[in-house]
C-alpha atoms as a PDB file:
ATOM      1  CA  MET A   1       9.049 -30.225  84.565  1.00  0.00           C
ATOM      2  CA  GLU A   2       8.573 -28.554  81.198  1.00  0.00           C
ATOM      3  CA  SER A   3       9.953 -25.043  80.827  1.00  0.00           C
ATOM      4  CA  LYS A   4       8.250 -22.699  78.395  1.00  0.00           C
ATOM      5  CA  VAL A   5       9.930 -19.943  76.445  1.00  0.00           C
ATOM      6  CA  PHE A   6       7.979 -16.870  75.459  1.00  0.00           C
ATOM      7  CA  ILE A   7       8.787 -13.542  73.885  1.00  0.00           C
ATOM      8  CA  LYS A   8       8.638 -10.942  76.631  1.00  0.00           C
ATOM      9  CA  ARG A   9       9.585  -7.834  74.684  1.00  0.00           C
ATOM     10  CA  VAL A  10       9.769  -7.035  70.991  1.00  0.00           C
ATOM     11  CA  VAL A  11      11.714  -4.114  69.548  1.00  0.00           C
ATOM     12  CA  ILE A  12      11.353  -3.595  65.812  1.00  0.00           C
ATOM     13  CA  ASP A  13      13.357  -1.077  63.803  1.00  0.00           C
ATOM     14  CA  ASN A  14      12.888  -0.354  60.090  1.00  0.00           C
ATOM     15  CA  PHE A  15      10.787  -3.395  59.220  1.00  0.00           C
ATOM     16  CA  LYS A  16       8.279  -2.704  56.440  1.00  0.00           C
ATOM     17  CA  SER A  17       6.017   0.158  57.623  1.00  0.00           C
ATOM     18  CA  ILE A  18       7.386   0.095  61.193  1.00  0.00           C
ATOM     19  CA  LYS A  19      10.088   2.685  61.828  1.00  0.00           C
ATOM     20  CA  HIS A  20      10.431   1.890  65.529  1.00  0.00           C
ATOM     21  CA  LEU A  21       8.246  -0.105  67.922  1.00  0.00           C
ATOM     22  CA  GLU A  22       8.766  -1.365  71.453  1.00  0.00           C
ATOM     23  CA  LEU A  23       6.120  -3.840  72.579  1.00  0.00           C
ATOM     24  CA  GLU A  24       5.858  -5.569  75.959  1.00  0.00           C
ATOM     25  CA  LEU A  25       4.148  -8.978  75.812  1.00  0.00           C
ATOM     26  CA  ASN A  26       2.680 -11.147  78.565  1.00  0.00           C
ATOM     27  CA  PRO A  27       2.508 -14.942  78.780  1.00  0.00           C
ATOM     28  CA  GLY A  28      -0.795 -16.153  77.377  1.00  0.00           C
ATOM     29  CA  LEU A  29      -2.993 -14.196  75.008  1.00  0.00           C
ATOM     30  CA  ASN A  30      -1.878 -10.841  73.590  1.00  0.00           C
ATOM     31  CA  VAL A  31      -4.250  -8.939  71.280  1.00  0.00           C
ATOM     32  CA  LEU A  32      -3.162  -6.435  68.629  1.00  0.00           C
ATOM     33  CA  VAL A  33      -5.842  -3.834  67.900  1.00  0.00           C
ATOM     34  CA  GLY A  34      -5.602  -0.978  65.432  1.00  0.00           C
ATOM     35  CA  PRO A  35      -6.879   0.513  62.184  1.00  0.00           C
ATOM     36  CA  ASN A  36      -6.515  -1.092  58.766  1.00  0.00           C
ATOM     37  CA  ALA A  37      -2.951  -0.672  57.442  1.00  0.00           C
ATOM     38  CA  GLY A  38      -1.818   0.245  60.956  1.00  0.00           C
ATOM     39  CA  GLY A  39       1.030  -2.311  61.054  1.00  0.00           C
ATOM     40  CA  LYS A  40      -0.545  -5.179  63.030  1.00  0.00           C
ATOM     41  CA  THR A  41       0.349  -7.767  60.400  1.00  0.00           C
ATOM     42  CA  ASN A  42       3.859  -6.334  60.104  1.00  0.00           C
ATOM     43  CA  ILE A  43       4.387  -6.957  63.825  1.00  0.00           C
ATOM     44  CA  LEU A  44       3.383 -10.597  63.362  1.00  0.00           C
ATOM     45  CA  GLU A  45       5.577 -10.916  60.268  1.00  0.00           C
ATOM     46  CA  ALA A  46       8.585  -9.533  62.166  1.00  0.00           C
ATOM     47  CA  ILE A  47       8.053 -12.101  64.942  1.00  0.00           C
ATOM     48  CA  HIS A  48       7.584 -14.856  62.358  1.00  0.00           C
ATOM     49  CA  PHE A  49      10.800 -13.764  60.603  1.00  0.00           C
ATOM     50  CA  LEU A  50      12.712 -14.178  63.863  1.00  0.00           C
ATOM     51  CA  TYR A  51      11.026 -17.524  64.557  1.00  0.00           C
ATOM     52  CA  LYS A  52      12.028 -18.878  61.136  1.00  0.00           C
ATOM     53  CA  ALA A  53      15.621 -17.753  61.696  1.00  0.00           C
ATOM     54  CA  LEU A  54      15.708 -19.557  65.046  1.00  0.00           C
ATOM     55  CA  VAL A  55      14.155 -22.749  63.667  1.00  0.00           C
ATOM     56  CA  GLU A  56      16.572 -22.891  60.735  1.00  0.00           C
ATOM     57  CA  GLU A  57      19.543 -22.505  63.060  1.00  0.00           C
ATOM     58  CA  ALA A  58      18.167 -24.847  65.737  1.00  0.00           C
ATOM     59  CA  GLY A  59      19.082 -27.885  63.669  1.00  0.00           C
ATOM     60  CA  LYS A  60      22.690 -26.726  63.566  1.00  0.00           C
ATOM     61  CA  ASN A  61      23.241 -25.286  67.036  1.00  0.00           C
ATOM     62  CA  THR A  62      21.794 -25.084  70.517  1.00  0.00           C
ATOM     63  CA  LEU A  63      19.262 -22.332  71.206  1.00  0.00           C
ATOM     64  CA  CYS A  64      21.756 -20.298  73.252  1.00  0.00           C
ATOM     65  CA  THR A  65      24.346 -20.390  70.489  1.00  0.00           C
ATOM     66  CA  THR A  66      21.689 -19.436  67.942  1.00  0.00           C
ATOM     67  CA  LEU A  67      20.506 -16.470  70.002  1.00  0.00           C
ATOM     68  CA  SER A  68      24.095 -15.303  70.478  1.00  0.00           C
ATOM     69  CA  LYS A  69      24.773 -15.468  66.740  1.00  0.00           C
ATOM     70  CA  ILE A  70      21.647 -13.481  65.916  1.00  0.00           C
ATOM     71  CA  LEU A  71      22.432 -10.828  68.525  1.00  0.00           C
ATOM     72  CA  GLU A  72      25.989 -10.490  67.232  1.00  0.00           C
ATOM     73  CA  SER A  73      24.827 -10.178  63.621  1.00  0.00           C
ATOM     74  CA  THR A  74      22.509  -7.228  64.198  1.00  0.00           C
ATOM     75  CA  ARG A  75      22.957  -3.739  65.578  1.00  0.00           C
ATOM     76  CA  HIS A  76      19.418  -3.684  66.968  1.00  0.00           C
ATOM     77  CA  ASN A  77      17.952  -5.493  69.944  1.00  0.00           C
ATOM     78  CA  LEU A  78      15.155  -7.425  68.219  1.00  0.00           C
ATOM     79  CA  TYR A  79      13.843  -9.445  71.127  1.00  0.00           C
ATOM     80  CA  GLU A  80      14.253 -10.570  74.682  1.00  0.00           C
ATOM     81  CA  VAL A  81      13.492 -14.158  75.604  1.00  0.00           C
ATOM     82  CA  SER A  82      12.343 -15.040  79.095  1.00  0.00           C
ATOM     83  CA  ARG A  83      11.772 -18.415  80.792  1.00  0.00           C
ATOM     84  CA  GLU A  84       8.794 -18.978  83.066  1.00  0.00           C
END
């Protein structure tokens, strides 16, 4: 049986135009709606930034070790990962 990993909650602090954001996500489709220059793209870029960091480390370590290293290296809770 294949297990899927998805981002359940995103907390962003001081990333581009976002001072602080807490966003709950659901499995499946999530839609970001807002005015031009409202920060929608910055949310996606923050998630992509985290994804790239995980992918770069994945070749060196297991996912659990990678997540632990990222959590230890930051003062902010950037994400929560949940398994279905």
